[in-house]
Amino acid sequence: MTTYIQLLEEGKKILEVAGIVEAKLDAWYLLSDTFSINRTQFLMERNRPKELEPALLEQYRKRLKKRAMRIPLQHILGVQEFMGIEFIVNNKVLIPRQDTEVLVEEVLKEKTGTVLDLCTGSGCIAISLAKLGSFQQVDAADISVDALDIAKKNAERAEVQVQFYQGNLFETITKKYDIIVSNPPYIPKEVIKTLEPEVKKYEPYQALYGPNNGLYFYEKISESAVNFLNSNGKIFYEIGYDQAEAVYDILEKYKYKEITVIPDLSGKNRVVKARR
C-alpha cells in the first residue's frame, strides 16, 4: 500500500538529485498523467493508502528515471499545450514554447488573408492560426519529413485544414501569400553548447542551429519572400532577444517597409514584422 503524496515526494527527491529545477512540478505532471488523476482528486485522496496497479507504479518510476536523465518532460508525456491546443511532440520537432505565442497572437491580428508558415516543425504556428483565425488558407513547409509527419497528425487532432509542403524553405512553394510567418532556427552554435541538457541533447539540432551567428535563415527567407508575398503582404518572424537590430537591418536591406519590433511579456524583443 502507498499514497499519492508518498509517490509525489519520491518523485520530487529523485528529480531534485538530478538537478531538475521544477522537480515537484514535473513529478506532479508525471504522477497525474500516469495515474490519471487531477488536482482535486489528488487533494482529496493524497493521504489515503491505495493498492495501486504494479504496472502503473513501474511506469511512473520509469518515467521519473527518464526525466532524471534530463529527457524533456514533454517528450515523456508526448504532448505540449500551445495556444490552448494540445500538440504531439517528440525528439523530431522543437517543443512549442510560450514565447512563440507572441508571434501567433500578432499574426492573428491580421484576421484575414492567406498564410505560409516556414520551418513549421510540429505545426504549432500554422495549426493555431488555422484553428483560431479566420484566414482563407494556411499552408506550412518544413525540410524534415519526420517533423511533417508529426505536424500532419497535429492538424488532424486539431481538426483543421493545413496544406503541408516538404522542402527547403520556398523550394516546393509555387504561389504567393498575404502573410509569411516563421520561427526559424536562430541559435548560434556557441550558444547551443550553453543550453540546458533537455534542449541541446534531446531537441533536433536542425531546428535550433542558425548559421551566420543565428541570422542565416532570416537572410534567406527575407531575400526570397519578396517573390512569394502579394502586394503589401506582411512577414512575421520570431527572433532571439538580442537579434532585433540585425533582423531589422536585413529586412531594410531587402526594401521591406513598416518594420516593427514587438516585445514578449517579459519585455524582451521577440517578434519582428514588416510589409513588402
C-alpha atoms as a PDB file:
ATOM      1  CA  MET A   1       0.000   0.000   0.000  1.00  0.00           C
ATOM      2  CA  THR A   2       1.151   3.508  -0.768  1.00  0.00           C
ATOM      3  CA  THR A   3      -0.264   7.012  -1.063  1.00  0.00           C
ATOM      4  CA  TYR A   4      -0.183   9.610  -3.799  1.00  0.00           C
ATOM      5  CA  ILE A   5       1.644  12.041  -1.528  1.00  0.00           C
ATOM      6  CA  GLN A   6       4.380   9.451  -0.896  1.00  0.00           C
ATOM      7  CA  LEU A   7       4.765   8.879  -4.624  1.00  0.00           C
ATOM      8  CA  LEU A   8       4.936  12.615  -5.264  1.00  0.00           C
ATOM      9  CA  GLU A   9       7.637  13.049  -2.614  1.00  0.00           C
ATOM     10  CA  GLU A  10       9.556  10.093  -4.024  1.00  0.00           C
ATOM     11  CA  GLY A  11       9.460  11.657  -7.473  1.00  0.00           C
ATOM     12  CA  LYS A  12      10.412  15.094  -6.196  1.00  0.00           C
ATOM     13  CA  LYS A  13      13.514  13.733  -4.429  1.00  0.00           C
ATOM     14  CA  ILE A  14      14.669  11.764  -7.463  1.00  0.00           C
ATOM     15  CA  LEU A  15      14.334  14.805  -9.719  1.00  0.00           C
ATOM     16  CA  GLU A  16      15.947  17.182  -7.233  1.00  0.00           C
ATOM     17  CA  VAL A  17      19.026  14.946  -7.087  1.00  0.00           C
ATOM     18  CA  ALA A  18      19.131  15.050 -10.901  1.00  0.00           C
ATOM     19  CA  GLY A  19      19.168  18.856 -10.833  1.00  0.00           C
ATOM     20  CA  ILE A  20      15.670  19.427 -12.197  1.00  0.00           C
ATOM     21  CA  VAL A  21      14.689  22.972 -11.237  1.00  0.00           C
ATOM     22  CA  GLU A  22      10.929  22.326 -11.202  1.00  0.00           C
ATOM     23  CA  ALA A  23      11.295  18.929  -9.513  1.00  0.00           C
ATOM     24  CA  LYS A  24       7.989  18.891  -7.628  1.00  0.00           C
ATOM     25  CA  LEU A  25       6.001  20.241 -10.572  1.00  0.00           C
ATOM     26  CA  ASP A  26       7.482  17.734 -13.019  1.00  0.00           C
ATOM     27  CA  ALA A  27       6.881  14.889 -10.558  1.00  0.00           C
ATOM     28  CA  TRP A  28       3.274  16.044 -10.264  1.00  0.00           C
ATOM     29  CA  TYR A  29       2.778  16.028 -14.044  1.00  0.00           C
ATOM     30  CA  LEU A  30       4.195  12.506 -14.277  1.00  0.00           C
ATOM     31  CA  LEU A  31       2.069  11.303 -11.351  1.00  0.00           C
ATOM     32  CA  SER A  32      -1.071  12.938 -12.684  1.00  0.00           C
ATOM     33  CA  ASP A  33      -0.648  11.545 -16.190  1.00  0.00           C
ATOM     34  CA  THR A  34       0.400   8.045 -15.131  1.00  0.00           C
ATOM     35  CA  PHE A  35      -2.426   7.532 -12.638  1.00  0.00           C
ATOM     36  CA  SER A  36      -4.999   9.670 -14.497  1.00  0.00           C
ATOM     37  CA  ILE A  37      -5.777  11.928 -11.559  1.00  0.00           C
ATOM     38  CA  ASN A  38      -6.475  15.646 -11.481  1.00  0.00           C
ATOM     39  CA  ARG A  39      -5.514  18.139  -8.796  1.00  0.00           C
ATOM     40  CA  THR A  40      -8.866  17.852  -6.983  1.00  0.00           C
ATOM     41  CA  GLN A  41      -8.682  14.057  -6.815  1.00  0.00           C
ATOM     42  CA  PHE A  42      -5.118  14.296  -5.549  1.00  0.00           C
ATOM     43  CA  LEU A  43      -6.012  16.731  -2.785  1.00  0.00           C
ATOM     44  CA  MET A  44      -8.918  14.568  -1.662  1.00  0.00           C
ATOM     45  CA  GLU A  45      -7.066  11.242  -1.761  1.00  0.00           C
ATOM     46  CA  ARG A  46      -3.387  12.113  -1.318  1.00  0.00           C
ATOM     47  CA  ASN A  47      -3.040  10.563   2.170  1.00  0.00           C
ATOM     48  CA  ARG A  48      -5.332   7.602   1.567  1.00  0.00           C
ATOM     49  CA  PRO A  49      -3.390   4.299   1.312  1.00  0.00           C
ATOM     50  CA  LYS A  50      -4.032   2.615  -2.033  1.00  0.00           C
ATOM     51  CA  GLU A  51      -3.318  -0.712  -3.668  1.00  0.00           C
ATOM     52  CA  LEU A  52      -2.120   0.778  -6.946  1.00  0.00           C
ATOM     53  CA  GLU A  53      -1.572  -1.280 -10.073  1.00  0.00           C
ATOM     54  CA  PRO A  54       2.018  -2.588 -10.141  1.00  0.00           C
ATOM     55  CA  ALA A  55       2.234  -1.809 -13.874  1.00  0.00           C
ATOM     56  CA  LEU A  56       1.377   1.846 -13.235  1.00  0.00           C
ATOM     57  CA  LEU A  57       3.853   2.093 -10.366  1.00  0.00           C
ATOM     58  CA  GLU A  58       6.541   0.690 -12.639  1.00  0.00           C
ATOM     59  CA  GLN A  59       5.586   3.108 -15.417  1.00  0.00           C
ATOM     60  CA  TYR A  60       5.734   6.081 -13.031  1.00  0.00           C
ATOM     61  CA  ARG A  61       9.195   5.155 -11.789  1.00  0.00           C
ATOM     62  CA  LYS A  62      10.472   4.520 -15.312  1.00  0.00           C
ATOM     63  CA  ARG A  63       9.230   7.954 -16.304  1.00  0.00           C
ATOM     64  CA  LEU A  64      10.986   9.503 -13.306  1.00  0.00           C
ATOM     65  CA  LYS A  65      14.232   7.842 -14.400  1.00  0.00           C
ATOM     66  CA  LYS A  66      13.836   9.267 -17.891  1.00  0.00           C
ATOM     67  CA  ARG A  67      13.220  12.748 -16.526  1.00  0.00           C
ATOM     68  CA  ALA A  68      16.240  12.360 -14.235  1.00  0.00           C
ATOM     69  CA  MET A  69      18.256  11.698 -17.423  1.00  0.00           C
ATOM     70  CA  ARG A  70      17.095  15.197 -18.496  1.00  0.00           C
ATOM     71  CA  ILE A  71      14.795  13.871 -21.201  1.00  0.00           C
ATOM     72  CA  PRO A  72      12.239  16.691 -21.622  1.00  0.00           C
ATOM     73  CA  LEU A  73       9.003  16.254 -19.716  1.00  0.00           C
ATOM     74  CA  GLN A  74       7.076  16.908 -22.942  1.00  0.00           C
ATOM     75  CA  HIS A  75       8.831  14.001 -24.672  1.00  0.00           C
ATOM     76  CA  ILE A  76       7.905  11.676 -21.804  1.00  0.00           C
ATOM     77  CA  LEU A  77       4.270  12.792 -21.787  1.00  0.00           C
ATOM     78  CA  GLY A  78       4.243  13.019 -25.588  1.00  0.00           C
ATOM     79  CA  VAL A  79       2.368  16.327 -25.702  1.00  0.00           C
ATOM     80  CA  GLN A  80       2.692  20.071 -25.088  1.00  0.00           C
ATOM     81  CA  GLU A  81      -0.051  22.687 -24.876  1.00  0.00           C
ATOM     82  CA  PHE A  82       0.284  25.778 -27.054  1.00  0.00           C
ATOM     83  CA  MET A  83      -2.351  28.476 -27.608  1.00  0.00           C
ATOM     84  CA  GLY A  84      -4.808  26.272 -25.709  1.00  0.00           C
ATOM     85  CA  ILE A  85      -4.293  23.388 -28.160  1.00  0.00           C
ATOM     86  CA  GLU A  86      -2.558  20.121 -27.282  1.00  0.00           C
ATOM     87  CA  PHE A  87       0.246  19.167 -29.687  1.00  0.00           C
ATOM     88  CA  ILE A  88       2.007  15.845 -30.120  1.00  0.00           C
ATOM     89  CA  VAL A  89       5.775  16.259 -29.694  1.00  0.00           C
ATOM     90  CA  ASN A  90       8.830  14.022 -29.838  1.00  0.00           C
ATOM     91  CA  ASN A  91      12.550  14.386 -30.486  1.00  0.00           C
ATOM     92  CA  LYS A  92      11.922  15.148 -34.174  1.00  0.00           C
ATOM     93  CA  VAL A  93      10.321  18.542 -33.519  1.00  0.00           C
ATOM     94  CA  LEU A  94      11.039  21.591 -31.414  1.00  0.00           C
ATOM     95  CA  ILE A  95       8.827  21.712 -28.315  1.00  0.00           C
ATOM     96  CA  PRO A  96       6.380  24.645 -28.687  1.00  0.00           C
ATOM     97  CA  ARG A  97       7.275  27.492 -26.334  1.00  0.00           C
ATOM     98  CA  GLN A  98       5.130  30.150 -24.721  1.00  0.00           C
ATOM     99  CA  ASP A  99       7.394  32.801 -26.316  1.00  0.00           C
ATOM    100  CA  THR A 100       6.111  31.745 -29.744  1.00  0.00           C
ATOM    101  CA  GLU A 101       2.535  32.529 -28.706  1.00  0.00           C
ATOM    102  CA  VAL A 102       3.500  36.213 -29.066  1.00  0.00           C
ATOM    103  CA  LEU A 103       4.222  35.549 -32.755  1.00  0.00           C
ATOM    104  CA  VAL A 104       0.916  33.738 -33.283  1.00  0.00           C
ATOM    105  CA  GLU A 105      -1.043  36.465 -31.485  1.00  0.00           C
ATOM    106  CA  GLU A 106       0.498  39.128 -33.737  1.00  0.00           C
ATOM    107  CA  VAL A 107      -0.442  37.235 -36.901  1.00  0.00           C
ATOM    108  CA  LEU A 108      -3.977  36.630 -35.590  1.00  0.00           C
ATOM    109  CA  LYS A 109      -4.464  40.408 -35.513  1.00  0.00           C
ATOM    110  CA  GLU A 110      -4.423  40.311 -39.337  1.00  0.00           C
ATOM    111  CA  LYS A 111      -7.773  38.436 -39.229  1.00  0.00           C
ATOM    112  CA  THR A 112      -7.866  37.543 -42.933  1.00  0.00           C
ATOM    113  CA  GLY A 113      -5.746  36.511 -45.929  1.00  0.00           C
ATOM    114  CA  THR A 114      -3.594  33.544 -46.913  1.00  0.00           C
ATOM    115  CA  VAL A 115      -0.707  32.370 -44.745  1.00  0.00           C
ATOM    116  CA  LEU A 116       2.521  30.409 -45.243  1.00  0.00           C
ATOM    117  CA  ASP A 117       4.383  29.116 -42.175  1.00  0.00           C
ATOM    118  CA  LEU A 118       8.028  28.272 -42.936  1.00  0.00           C
ATOM    119  CA  CYS A 119      10.048  25.890 -40.716  1.00  0.00           C
ATOM    120  CA  THR A 120       6.756  24.629 -39.305  1.00  0.00           C
ATOM    121  CA  GLY A 121       8.154  21.798 -37.150  1.00  0.00           C
ATOM    122  CA  SER A 122       5.294  20.456 -35.004  1.00  0.00           C
ATOM    123  CA  GLY A 123       2.924  22.691 -36.953  1.00  0.00           C
ATOM    124  CA  CYS A 124       2.018  24.639 -33.815  1.00  0.00           C
ATOM    125  CA  ILE A 125       2.052  28.054 -35.531  1.00  0.00           C
ATOM    126  CA  ALA A 126       0.155  27.069 -38.683  1.00  0.00           C
ATOM    127  CA  ILE A 127      -2.377  24.924 -36.831  1.00  0.00           C
ATOM    128  CA  SER A 128      -3.031  27.605 -34.196  1.00  0.00           C
ATOM    129  CA  LEU A 129      -3.617  30.169 -36.957  1.00  0.00           C
ATOM    130  CA  ALA A 130      -5.952  27.806 -38.796  1.00  0.00           C
ATOM    131  CA  LYS A 131      -7.839  26.936 -35.602  1.00  0.00           C
ATOM    132  CA  LEU A 132      -8.079  30.370 -34.010  1.00  0.00           C
ATOM    133  CA  GLY A 133      -8.026  32.714 -37.014  1.00  0.00           C
ATOM    134  CA  SER A 134     -10.295  33.273 -39.995  1.00  0.00           C
ATOM    135  CA  PHE A 135      -7.688  33.028 -42.735  1.00  0.00           C
ATOM    136  CA  GLN A 136      -8.733  31.796 -46.175  1.00  0.00           C
ATOM    137  CA  GLN A 137      -5.831  29.332 -46.381  1.00  0.00           C
ATOM    138  CA  VAL A 138      -2.968  28.275 -44.127  1.00  0.00           C
ATOM    139  CA  ASP A 139      -0.028  26.377 -45.661  1.00  0.00           C
ATOM    140  CA  ALA A 140       3.144  25.182 -43.967  1.00  0.00           C
ATOM    141  CA  ALA A 141       6.552  23.920 -45.069  1.00  0.00           C
ATOM    142  CA  ASP A 142       9.483  22.127 -43.479  1.00  0.00           C
ATOM    143  CA  ILE A 143      12.591  20.369 -44.734  1.00  0.00           C
ATOM    144  CA  SER A 144      12.113  17.474 -42.277  1.00  0.00           C
ATOM    145  CA  VAL A 145       9.881  14.579 -43.329  1.00  0.00           C
ATOM    146  CA  ASP A 146       9.757  13.393 -39.704  1.00  0.00           C
ATOM    147  CA  ALA A 147       8.609  16.802 -38.486  1.00  0.00           C
ATOM    148  CA  LEU A 148       5.894  16.951 -41.142  1.00  0.00           C
ATOM    149  CA  ASP A 149       4.593  13.542 -40.048  1.00  0.00           C
ATOM    150  CA  ILE A 150       4.056  14.992 -36.564  1.00  0.00           C
ATOM    151  CA  ALA A 151       2.596  18.233 -37.943  1.00  0.00           C
ATOM    152  CA  LYS A 152       0.044  16.319 -40.043  1.00  0.00           C
ATOM    153  CA  LYS A 153      -1.048  14.312 -37.002  1.00  0.00           C
ATOM    154  CA  ASN A 154      -1.403  17.537 -35.030  1.00  0.00           C
ATOM    155  CA  ALA A 155      -3.546  19.113 -37.749  1.00  0.00           C
ATOM    156  CA  GLU A 156      -5.792  16.063 -37.743  1.00  0.00           C
ATOM    157  CA  ARG A 157      -6.112  16.151 -33.947  1.00  0.00           C
ATOM    158  CA  ALA A 158      -6.961  19.867 -34.032  1.00  0.00           C
ATOM    159  CA  GLU A 159      -9.457  19.240 -36.845  1.00  0.00           C
ATOM    160  CA  VAL A 160      -8.047  21.912 -39.147  1.00  0.00           C
ATOM    161  CA  GLN A 161      -7.119  22.019 -42.811  1.00  0.00           C
ATOM    162  CA  VAL A 162      -3.463  22.899 -43.379  1.00  0.00           C
ATOM    163  CA  GLN A 163      -1.608  22.114 -46.598  1.00  0.00           C
ATOM    164  CA  PHE A 164       1.906  20.852 -45.830  1.00  0.00           C
ATOM    165  CA  TYR A 165       4.897  21.038 -48.185  1.00  0.00           C
ATOM    166  CA  GLN A 166       8.205  19.209 -47.768  1.00  0.00           C
ATOM    167  CA  GLY A 167      11.189  21.206 -48.907  1.00  0.00           C
ATOM    168  CA  ASN A 168      13.935  23.657 -48.012  1.00  0.00           C
ATOM    169  CA  LEU A 169      12.195  26.992 -47.302  1.00  0.00           C
ATOM    170  CA  PHE A 170      10.441  28.024 -50.561  1.00  0.00           C
ATOM    171  CA  GLU A 171      11.751  25.060 -52.561  1.00  0.00           C
ATOM    172  CA  THR A 172       8.314  23.486 -53.179  1.00  0.00           C
ATOM    173  CA  ILE A 173       6.181  26.646 -52.885  1.00  0.00           C
ATOM    174  CA  THR A 174       4.600  27.850 -56.121  1.00  0.00           C
ATOM    175  CA  LYS A 175       2.120  30.558 -55.077  1.00  0.00           C
ATOM    176  CA  LYS A 176       2.004  33.893 -53.304  1.00  0.00           C
ATOM    177  CA  TYR A 177       0.622  34.707 -49.867  1.00  0.00           C
ATOM    178  CA  ASP A 178      -0.650  37.670 -47.909  1.00  0.00           C
ATOM    179  CA  ILE A 179       1.346  36.619 -44.835  1.00  0.00           C
ATOM    180  CA  ILE A 180       4.570  34.685 -44.365  1.00  0.00           C
ATOM    181  CA  VAL A 181       5.421  33.685 -40.804  1.00  0.00           C
ATOM    182  CA  SER A 182       8.447  31.838 -39.488  1.00  0.00           C
ATOM    183  CA  ASN A 183      10.142  30.772 -36.283  1.00  0.00           C
ATOM    184  CA  PRO A 184      13.348  29.629 -37.992  1.00  0.00           C
ATOM    185  CA  PRO A 185      16.418  28.069 -36.369  1.00  0.00           C
ATOM    186  CA  TYR A 186      18.206  31.086 -34.882  1.00  0.00           C
ATOM    187  CA  ILE A 187      20.551  29.924 -32.146  1.00  0.00           C
ATOM    188  CA  PRO A 188      24.308  30.307 -32.823  1.00  0.00           C
ATOM    189  CA  LYS A 189      26.414  27.169 -32.401  1.00  0.00           C
ATOM    190  CA  GLU A 190      28.357  28.515 -29.432  1.00  0.00           C
ATOM    191  CA  VAL A 191      25.116  29.373 -27.609  1.00  0.00           C
ATOM    192  CA  ILE A 192      23.653  25.893 -28.135  1.00  0.00           C
ATOM    193  CA  LYS A 193      26.550  24.488 -26.110  1.00  0.00           C
ATOM    194  CA  THR A 194      25.407  26.543 -23.098  1.00  0.00           C
ATOM    195  CA  LEU A 195      21.756  25.454 -23.180  1.00  0.00           C
ATOM    196  CA  GLU A 196      20.080  23.049 -20.759  1.00  0.00           C
ATOM    197  CA  PRO A 197      20.624  19.327 -21.486  1.00  0.00           C
ATOM    198  CA  GLU A 198      16.924  18.973 -22.298  1.00  0.00           C
ATOM    199  CA  VAL A 199      17.445  21.265 -25.277  1.00  0.00           C
ATOM    200  CA  LYS A 200      20.939  20.544 -26.567  1.00  0.00           C
ATOM    201  CA  LYS A 201      20.743  16.754 -26.119  1.00  0.00           C
ATOM    202  CA  TYR A 202      17.146  15.943 -26.966  1.00  0.00           C
ATOM    203  CA  GLU A 203      15.689  18.573 -29.287  1.00  0.00           C
ATOM    204  CA  PRO A 204      16.553  18.426 -33.016  1.00  0.00           C
ATOM    205  CA  TYR A 205      19.775  20.307 -33.733  1.00  0.00           C
ATOM    206  CA  GLN A 206      18.448  21.183 -37.189  1.00  0.00           C
ATOM    207  CA  ALA A 207      15.586  23.097 -35.550  1.00  0.00           C
ATOM    208  CA  LEU A 208      17.922  25.029 -33.234  1.00  0.00           C
ATOM    209  CA  TYR A 209      21.074  25.948 -35.137  1.00  0.00           C
ATOM    210  CA  GLY A 210      21.159  29.107 -37.202  1.00  0.00           C
ATOM    211  CA  PRO A 211      24.437  29.643 -39.088  1.00  0.00           C
ATOM    212  CA  ASN A 212      25.947  33.103 -39.536  1.00  0.00           C
ATOM    213  CA  ASN A 213      25.512  33.985 -35.850  1.00  0.00           C
ATOM    214  CA  GLY A 214      21.871  32.853 -35.957  1.00  0.00           C
ATOM    215  CA  LEU A 215      20.928  35.125 -38.861  1.00  0.00           C
ATOM    216  CA  TYR A 216      21.238  32.790 -41.863  1.00  0.00           C
ATOM    217  CA  PHE A 217      17.558  31.895 -42.205  1.00  0.00           C
ATOM    218  CA  TYR A 218      16.330  35.459 -41.713  1.00  0.00           C
ATOM    219  CA  GLU A 219      18.570  36.487 -44.602  1.00  0.00           C
ATOM    220  CA  LYS A 220      17.477  33.617 -46.884  1.00  0.00           C
ATOM    221  CA  ILE A 221      13.770  33.966 -46.138  1.00  0.00           C
ATOM    222  CA  SER A 222      13.741  37.762 -46.394  1.00  0.00           C
ATOM    223  CA  GLU A 223      15.564  37.684 -49.731  1.00  0.00           C
ATOM    224  CA  SER A 224      13.184  35.146 -51.291  1.00  0.00           C
ATOM    225  CA  ALA A 225       9.936  36.155 -49.607  1.00  0.00           C
ATOM    226  CA  VAL A 226       9.561  39.218 -51.847  1.00  0.00           C
ATOM    227  CA  ASN A 227       8.772  36.748 -54.653  1.00  0.00           C
ATOM    228  CA  PHE A 228       6.161  34.891 -52.583  1.00  0.00           C
ATOM    229  CA  LEU A 229       4.311  37.780 -50.952  1.00  0.00           C
ATOM    230  CA  ASN A 230       1.348  39.531 -52.536  1.00  0.00           C
ATOM    231  CA  SER A 231       1.479  43.284 -52.897  1.00  0.00           C
ATOM    232  CA  ASN A 232       1.502  44.821 -49.396  1.00  0.00           C
ATOM    233  CA  GLY A 233       1.926  41.337 -47.923  1.00  0.00           C
ATOM    234  CA  LYS A 234       3.472  41.012 -44.476  1.00  0.00           C
ATOM    235  CA  ILE A 235       6.257  38.949 -42.985  1.00  0.00           C
ATOM    236  CA  PHE A 236       6.459  37.934 -39.319  1.00  0.00           C
ATOM    237  CA  TYR A 237       9.475  36.421 -37.531  1.00  0.00           C
ATOM    238  CA  GLU A 238      10.185  35.134 -34.066  1.00  0.00           C
ATOM    239  CA  ILE A 239      13.674  36.293 -33.068  1.00  0.00           C
ATOM    240  CA  GLY A 240      16.212  35.798 -30.308  1.00  0.00           C
ATOM    241  CA  TYR A 241      16.048  38.539 -27.681  1.00  0.00           C
ATOM    242  CA  ASP A 242      19.302  40.122 -28.962  1.00  0.00           C
ATOM    243  CA  GLN A 243      18.639  39.837 -32.720  1.00  0.00           C
ATOM    244  CA  ALA A 244      16.133  42.655 -33.296  1.00  0.00           C
ATOM    245  CA  GLU A 245      18.600  45.154 -34.744  1.00  0.00           C
ATOM    246  CA  ALA A 246      20.248  42.612 -37.055  1.00  0.00           C
ATOM    247  CA  VAL A 247      16.921  41.276 -38.369  1.00  0.00           C
ATOM    248  CA  TYR A 248      15.641  44.847 -38.769  1.00  0.00           C
ATOM    249  CA  ASP A 249      18.713  45.630 -40.911  1.00  0.00           C
ATOM    250  CA  ILE A 250      18.153  42.507 -43.045  1.00  0.00           C
ATOM    251  CA  LEU A 251      14.546  43.479 -43.737  1.00  0.00           C
ATOM    252  CA  GLU A 252      15.596  47.033 -44.527  1.00  0.00           C
ATOM    253  CA  LYS A 253      18.262  45.712 -46.906  1.00  0.00           C
ATOM    254  CA  TYR A 254      15.568  43.931 -48.944  1.00  0.00           C
ATOM    255  CA  LYS A 255      13.350  47.053 -49.042  1.00  0.00           C
ATOM    256  CA  TYR A 256      10.657  45.958 -46.606  1.00  0.00           C
ATOM    257  CA  LYS A 257       8.598  48.758 -45.057  1.00  0.00           C
ATOM    258  CA  GLU A 258       6.926  49.438 -41.702  1.00  0.00           C
ATOM    259  CA  ILE A 259       9.437  47.262 -39.836  1.00  0.00           C
ATOM    260  CA  THR A 260       8.286  46.838 -36.238  1.00  0.00           C
ATOM    261  CA  VAL A 261       9.837  45.066 -33.237  1.00  0.00           C
ATOM    262  CA  ILE A 262       7.429  43.593 -30.663  1.00  0.00           C
ATOM    263  CA  PRO A 263       8.435  42.517 -27.133  1.00  0.00           C
ATOM    264  CA  ASP A 264       7.182  39.487 -25.218  1.00  0.00           C
ATOM    265  CA  LEU A 265       5.514  39.686 -21.796  1.00  0.00           C
ATOM    266  CA  SER A 266       8.900  39.939 -20.068  1.00  0.00           C
ATOM    267  CA  GLY A 267       9.842  42.945 -22.217  1.00  0.00           C
ATOM    268  CA  LYS A 268      12.393  41.078 -24.367  1.00  0.00           C
ATOM    269  CA  ASN A 269      12.318  41.615 -28.128  1.00  0.00           C
ATOM    270  CA  ARG A 270      10.531  38.573 -29.564  1.00  0.00           C
ATOM    271  CA  VAL A 271       8.846  39.361 -32.896  1.00  0.00           C
ATOM    272  CA  VAL A 272       9.726  41.445 -35.932  1.00  0.00           C
ATOM    273  CA  LYS A 273       7.131  42.195 -38.580  1.00  0.00           C
ATOM    274  CA  ALA A 274       7.295  44.150 -41.832  1.00  0.00           C
ATOM    275  CA  ARG A 275       5.385  44.912 -45.017  1.00  0.00           C
ATOM    276  CA  ARG A 276       6.561  44.113 -48.539  1.00  0.00           C
END
